[in-house]
């Protein structure tokens, strides 16, 4: 007996994140965007205290950082 072929859903890939020349909180449009840049781009200057939460005084405020 052969087993029925399993249909697999095609893998959906999101486009790779593109870093640009933005490095500072004043250049970000949202906390989410700042987090994307902080996590994916080298040389960011958005996490002064090094806790992994960018732009805490401007964009990522509140008890959940954002």
Foldseek 3Di string as FASTA:
>chain_A
DDDDDDDDDDDDDDDDDDDDPDAEPVPDDAQVRVLVCLVPDPPHDFCVVPPSRGPDPHHQDDPVRD
